[in-house]
């Protein structure tokens, strides 16, 4: 509900990659609606996806492993001028 600069930072035991999409994500066309992505900006092989987001719009955050077939627990910390709902 509040526009501003938001950050999404991963925390995991494996190398993560984050993608931020405008409104929807289509796995058959992963570049469609892609706004930004990040690999290691948070350090320790974790992503930090940061972008100015508009109020009243839906965004999709896709968090994945950098290496195919890697699985495990992951948590995301969101920060910005207002609450973020996943």
Protein backbone atom coordinates (compact mmCIF):
# COMPACT_ATOMS: atom_id res chain seq x y z
CA UNK A 1 0.00 0.00 0.00
CA UNK A 2 3.06 2.28 0.17
CA UNK A 3 5.37 3.07 -2.73
CA UNK A 4 9.10 3.11 -2.09
CA UNK A 5 12.36 1.25 -2.21
CA UNK A 6 12.06 -2.33 -0.97
CA UNK A 7 14.73 -5.00 -0.44
CA UNK A 8 14.36 -8.77 -0.32
CA UNK A 9 17.36 -10.63 1.13
CA UNK A 10 17.74 -14.41 1.18
CA UNK A 11 19.17 -16.47 4.01
CA UNK A 12 20.08 -20.06 3.22
CA UNK A 13 22.86 -22.63 3.46
CA UNK A 14 23.13 -22.79 -0.36
CA UNK A 15 23.80 -20.32 -3.17
CA UNK A 16 20.55 -18.49 -3.95
CA UNK A 17 19.24 -16.42 -6.86
CA UNK A 18 16.28 -14.02 -6.72
CA UNK A 19 14.01 -12.66 -9.44
CA UNK A 20 11.36 -9.94 -9.11
CA UNK A 21 8.45 -9.89 -11.55
CA UNK A 22 5.72 -7.39 -12.33
CA UNK A 23 2.30 -9.01 -11.62
CA UNK A 24 3.00 -12.59 -12.68
CA UNK A 25 5.64 -15.23 -13.32
CA UNK A 26 5.43 -17.67 -16.22
CA UNK A 27 7.98 -20.51 -15.90
CA UNK A 28 7.63 -21.19 -19.64
CA UNK A 29 8.79 -17.63 -20.34
CA UNK A 30 11.02 -16.57 -17.43
CA UNK A 31 12.06 -13.25 -18.98
CA UNK A 32 8.45 -12.04 -19.38
CA UNK A 33 7.55 -9.40 -16.77
CA UNK A 34 11.05 -9.63 -15.21
CA UNK A 35 11.96 -6.38 -13.45
CA UNK A 36 15.28 -7.29 -11.83
CA UNK A 37 17.31 -10.20 -10.51
CA UNK A 38 20.29 -10.77 -8.26
CA UNK A 39 22.73 -13.49 -7.32
CA UNK A 40 25.20 -12.57 -4.56
CA UNK A 41 24.74 -8.90 -3.56
CA UNK A 42 23.87 -9.77 0.05
CA UNK A 43 27.18 -11.61 0.50
CA UNK A 44 27.72 -15.25 1.49
CA UNK A 45 26.15 -16.39 -1.84
CA UNK A 46 22.79 -14.78 -0.97
CA UNK A 47 20.67 -12.45 -3.13
CA UNK A 48 19.54 -8.92 -2.38
CA UNK A 49 16.78 -7.86 -4.77
CA UNK A 50 16.18 -4.13 -4.29
CA UNK A 51 13.81 -1.99 -6.31
CA UNK A 52 11.40 0.92 -6.12
CA UNK A 53 7.89 -0.58 -5.99
CA UNK A 54 4.64 1.22 -6.77
CA UNK A 55 1.70 1.14 -4.37
CA UNK A 56 -1.35 -0.94 -5.29
CA UNK A 57 0.49 -3.31 -7.64
CA UNK A 58 1.24 -7.01 -7.29
CA UNK A 59 4.80 -8.26 -7.57
CA UNK A 60 6.14 -11.82 -7.60
CA UNK A 61 9.43 -12.76 -5.97
CA UNK A 62 10.94 -16.02 -7.18
CA UNK A 63 13.69 -17.45 -4.98
CA UNK A 64 15.69 -20.39 -6.27
CA UNK A 65 19.07 -22.05 -6.05
CA UNK A 66 21.88 -20.97 -8.34
CA UNK A 67 22.80 -24.58 -9.17
CA UNK A 68 20.17 -26.89 -10.68
CA UNK A 69 18.91 -29.63 -8.35
CA UNK A 70 19.98 -27.87 -5.15
CA UNK A 71 17.27 -27.82 -2.49
CA UNK A 72 17.00 -26.79 1.12
CA UNK A 73 15.45 -24.29 3.49
CA UNK A 74 15.44 -20.59 2.65
CA UNK A 75 14.08 -17.52 4.41
CA UNK A 76 13.51 -14.06 2.98
CA UNK A 77 13.81 -10.80 4.89
CA UNK A 78 11.83 -7.92 3.37
CA UNK A 79 12.39 -4.28 4.27
CA UNK A 80 10.96 -1.03 3.02
CA UNK A 81 8.63 1.81 3.98
CA UNK A 82 5.73 -0.54 4.78
CA UNK A 83 4.94 -4.20 5.50
CA UNK A 84 5.39 -6.83 2.82
CA UNK A 85 3.01 -9.77 2.55
CA UNK A 86 4.17 -13.04 1.00
